[in-house]
Amino acid sequence: MILLVFFGVLVFGYFYVFFFIPETKGLSLEEVDELYTAKVVPWKSSTWQPRSRSNESNEKVDVHLEDGKGDESSSSSSDHSLGRPPYV
C-alpha cells in the first residue's frame, strides 16, 4: 500500500516538474527574469535563447583577408568578452 502512495506521488511530481518548472540551467538571474517576462512555457524553456545570447551569435567578426590571414585579435577578443578564455 505504501508503495502505491509513493508511486502516485512520484508520478504527480514528474508531471508537475515537466509542466510547471522551467529549465534554468546555465542562465543568469537576469536571463531567468527575461524567461519569466517572456512567459515561455516550461516544456519549451530548454530551447529558449535570451535576447542577449541570440544577439551575440548574430554579431559578425570583422575579418581582413589582405595577406591571407584573418584578424585573430578580433576573434580572440570576442571569445574573451563571452567569458571564454583566449587561446594561444
Protein backbone atom coordinates (compact mmCIF):
# COMPACT_ATOMS: atom_id res chain seq x y z
CA MET A 1 0.00 0.00 0.00
CA ILE A 2 2.76 2.44 0.88
CA LEU A 3 4.45 1.74 -2.47
CA LEU A 4 1.30 2.79 -4.32
CA VAL A 5 1.25 6.09 -2.43
CA PHE A 6 4.94 6.59 -3.17
CA PHE A 7 4.39 5.75 -6.86
CA GLY A 8 1.43 8.17 -7.05
CA VAL A 9 3.46 11.00 -5.53
CA LEU A 10 6.36 10.20 -7.87
CA VAL A 11 4.16 10.32 -10.98
CA PHE A 12 2.46 13.52 -9.81
CA GLY A 13 5.87 15.12 -9.12
CA TYR A 14 7.19 14.14 -12.55
CA PHE A 15 4.29 15.78 -14.38
CA TYR A 16 4.32 18.81 -12.08
CA VAL A 17 8.00 19.46 -12.80
CA PHE A 18 7.59 18.87 -16.55
CA PHE A 19 4.60 21.22 -16.94
CA PHE A 20 5.28 23.92 -14.32
CA ILE A 21 9.06 24.29 -13.69
CA PRO A 22 11.10 25.91 -16.50
CA GLU A 23 14.68 24.83 -17.31
CA THR A 24 17.05 27.48 -15.98
CA LYS A 25 20.37 25.62 -16.18
CA GLY A 26 23.15 27.90 -17.42
CA LEU A 27 21.07 31.11 -17.24
CA SER A 28 21.96 34.17 -15.20
CA LEU A 29 19.39 35.79 -12.90
CA GLU A 30 18.69 38.48 -15.50
CA GLU A 31 18.10 35.82 -18.16
CA VAL A 32 15.76 33.90 -15.83
CA ASP A 33 13.85 37.15 -15.27
CA GLU A 34 13.63 37.58 -19.06
CA LEU A 35 12.38 33.98 -19.34
CA TYR A 36 9.53 34.66 -16.91
CA THR A 37 8.77 38.04 -18.50
CA ALA A 38 8.54 36.42 -21.96
CA LYS A 39 6.08 33.86 -20.47
CA VAL A 40 7.85 30.90 -22.05
CA VAL A 41 6.04 27.63 -21.37
CA PRO A 42 8.20 25.28 -19.26
CA TRP A 43 8.27 22.41 -21.77
CA LYS A 44 9.84 24.76 -24.36
CA SER A 45 12.21 26.54 -21.97
CA SER A 46 15.17 24.24 -22.65
CA THR A 47 15.42 25.50 -26.25
CA TRP A 48 14.66 29.16 -25.44
CA GLN A 49 17.53 31.63 -26.01
CA PRO A 50 17.67 35.00 -24.25
CA ARG A 51 17.97 38.09 -26.44
CA SER A 52 21.46 38.82 -25.11
CA ARG A 53 22.77 35.44 -26.31
CA SER A 54 20.97 35.49 -29.65
CA ASN A 55 22.44 38.94 -30.42
CA GLU A 56 25.97 37.72 -29.65
CA SER A 57 25.63 34.81 -32.06
CA ASN A 58 24.41 37.14 -34.82
CA GLU A 59 27.31 39.58 -34.49
CA LYS A 60 29.83 39.35 -37.30
CA VAL A 61 33.54 39.43 -36.64
CA ASP A 62 35.50 41.84 -38.84
CA VAL A 63 37.98 39.72 -40.78
CA HIS A 64 40.62 41.18 -43.07
CA LEU A 65 41.92 38.84 -45.75
CA GLU A 66 44.55 41.07 -47.37
CA ASP A 67 47.56 38.87 -46.61
CA GLY A 68 45.68 35.54 -46.43
CA LYS A 69 45.29 35.62 -42.66
CA GLY A 70 42.24 36.56 -40.68
CA ASP A 71 42.38 39.19 -37.97
CA GLU A 72 42.95 36.90 -34.99
CA SER A 73 42.72 39.67 -32.42
CA SER A 74 39.04 40.32 -33.17
CA SER A 75 38.03 36.68 -32.71
CA SER A 76 40.03 36.20 -29.52
CA SER A 77 38.73 39.43 -28.02
CA SER A 78 35.15 38.40 -28.80
CA ASP A 79 35.81 34.99 -27.21
CA HIS A 80 37.20 36.71 -24.14
CA SER A 81 34.17 39.01 -23.90
CA LEU A 82 31.90 35.95 -23.99
CA GLY A 83 33.63 34.54 -20.93
CA ARG A 84 35.76 32.06 -22.83
CA PRO A 85 39.49 32.03 -22.15
CA PRO A 86 41.65 33.30 -25.03
CA TYR A 87 43.56 30.52 -26.77
CA VAL A 88 47.23 30.96 -27.60
